[in-house]
Amino acid sequence: MEKIRMTVRLVPKLNKYVQNIAKECGKSKNSIIVDACWDFVEKIKKENKFNIEREE
């Protein structure tokens, strides 16, 4: 899997929420966002709404 660069801008309220979660978990904001993206991808794969083939 190749790495890609991505920029995400958060609205102030969501930014504050992510910062609080990051502090509680001891993770960075980026790590929290990446984890959430992977959770979303896994959910979509399970539902297979977009006919995504699994990479093993």
C-alpha atoms as a PDB file:
ATOM      1  CA  MET A   1       0.000   0.000   0.000  1.00  0.00           C
ATOM      2  CA  GLU A   2       1.437   3.351  -0.971  1.00  0.00           C
ATOM      3  CA  LYS A   3       1.422   6.315   1.363  1.00  0.00           C
ATOM      4  CA  ILE A   4      -0.390   9.458   0.339  1.00  0.00           C
ATOM      5  CA  ARG A   5      -0.328  12.925   1.814  1.00  0.00           C
ATOM      6  CA  MET A   6      -3.632  14.306   2.969  1.00  0.00           C
ATOM      7  CA  THR A   7      -4.698  17.578   4.545  1.00  0.00           C
ATOM      8  CA  VAL A   8      -7.782  17.685   6.736  1.00  0.00           C
ATOM      9  CA  ARG A   9      -9.299  20.871   8.102  1.00  0.00           C
ATOM     10  CA  LEU A  10     -11.630  20.617  11.054  1.00  0.00           C
ATOM     11  CA  VAL A  11     -14.306  23.068  12.061  1.00  0.00           C
ATOM     12  CA  PRO A  12     -13.451  24.614  15.453  1.00  0.00           C
ATOM     13  CA  LYS A  13     -15.980  22.542  17.419  1.00  0.00           C
ATOM     14  CA  LEU A  14     -14.776  19.249  15.916  1.00  0.00           C
ATOM     15  CA  ASN A  15     -11.147  20.327  16.377  1.00  0.00           C
ATOM     16  CA  LYS A  16     -11.758  20.904  20.096  1.00  0.00           C
ATOM     17  CA  TYR A  17     -13.499  17.515  20.374  1.00  0.00           C
ATOM     18  CA  VAL A  18     -10.612  15.698  18.653  1.00  0.00           C
ATOM     19  CA  GLN A  19      -8.071  17.537  20.838  1.00  0.00           C
ATOM     20  CA  ASN A  20      -9.890  16.408  23.984  1.00  0.00           C
ATOM     21  CA  ILE A  21     -10.008  12.785  22.819  1.00  0.00           C
ATOM     22  CA  ALA A  22      -6.311  12.945  21.898  1.00  0.00           C
ATOM     23  CA  LYS A  23      -5.433  14.220  25.385  1.00  0.00           C
ATOM     24  CA  GLU A  24      -7.493  11.489  27.054  1.00  0.00           C
ATOM     25  CA  CYS A  25      -5.967   8.726  24.912  1.00  0.00           C
ATOM     26  CA  GLY A  26      -2.429  10.094  24.868  1.00  0.00           C
ATOM     27  CA  LYS A  27      -2.401  10.140  21.065  1.00  0.00           C
ATOM     28  CA  SER A  28      -1.911  12.886  18.503  1.00  0.00           C
ATOM     29  CA  LYS A  29      -4.818  14.488  16.660  1.00  0.00           C
ATOM     30  CA  ASN A  30      -3.508  12.987  13.419  1.00  0.00           C
ATOM     31  CA  SER A  31      -3.494   9.521  14.949  1.00  0.00           C
ATOM     32  CA  ILE A  32      -7.103   9.913  16.109  1.00  0.00           C
ATOM     33  CA  ILE A  33      -8.202  11.054  12.630  1.00  0.00           C
ATOM     34  CA  VAL A  34      -6.322   8.244  10.852  1.00  0.00           C
ATOM     35  CA  ASP A  35      -7.832   5.655  13.214  1.00  0.00           C
ATOM     36  CA  ALA A  36     -11.314   7.035  12.517  1.00  0.00           C
ATOM     37  CA  CYS A  37     -10.699   6.852   8.756  1.00  0.00           C
ATOM     38  CA  TRP A  38      -9.578   3.211   9.014  1.00  0.00           C
ATOM     39  CA  ASP A  39     -12.615   2.376  11.146  1.00  0.00           C
ATOM     40  CA  PHE A  40     -14.804   3.908   8.432  1.00  0.00           C
ATOM     41  CA  VAL A  41     -13.030   1.927   5.690  1.00  0.00           C
ATOM     42  CA  GLU A  42     -13.446  -1.330   7.630  1.00  0.00           C
ATOM     43  CA  LYS A  43     -17.146  -0.591   8.193  1.00  0.00           C
ATOM     44  CA  ILE A  44     -17.657   0.033   4.472  1.00  0.00           C
ATOM     45  CA  LYS A  45     -15.790  -3.181   3.629  1.00  0.00           C
ATOM     46  CA  LYS A  46     -18.066  -5.169   5.944  1.00  0.00           C
ATOM     47  CA  GLU A  47     -21.175  -3.645   4.423  1.00  0.00           C
ATOM     48  CA  ASN A  48     -19.545  -3.852   0.974  1.00  0.00           C
ATOM     49  CA  LYS A  49     -21.688  -0.974  -0.258  1.00  0.00           C
ATOM     50  CA  PHE A  50     -19.112   0.103  -2.811  1.00  0.00           C
ATOM     51  CA  ASN A  51     -17.961  -3.367  -3.913  1.00  0.00           C
ATOM     52  CA  ILE A  52     -14.544  -2.798  -2.359  1.00  0.00           C
ATOM     53  CA  GLU A  53     -12.273  -5.801  -2.650  1.00  0.00           C
ATOM     54  CA  ARG A  54     -10.398  -6.719   0.491  1.00  0.00           C
ATOM     55  CA  GLU A  55      -6.626  -6.257   0.467  1.00  0.00           C
ATOM     56  CA  GLU A  56      -4.946  -9.060   2.345  1.00  0.00           C
END
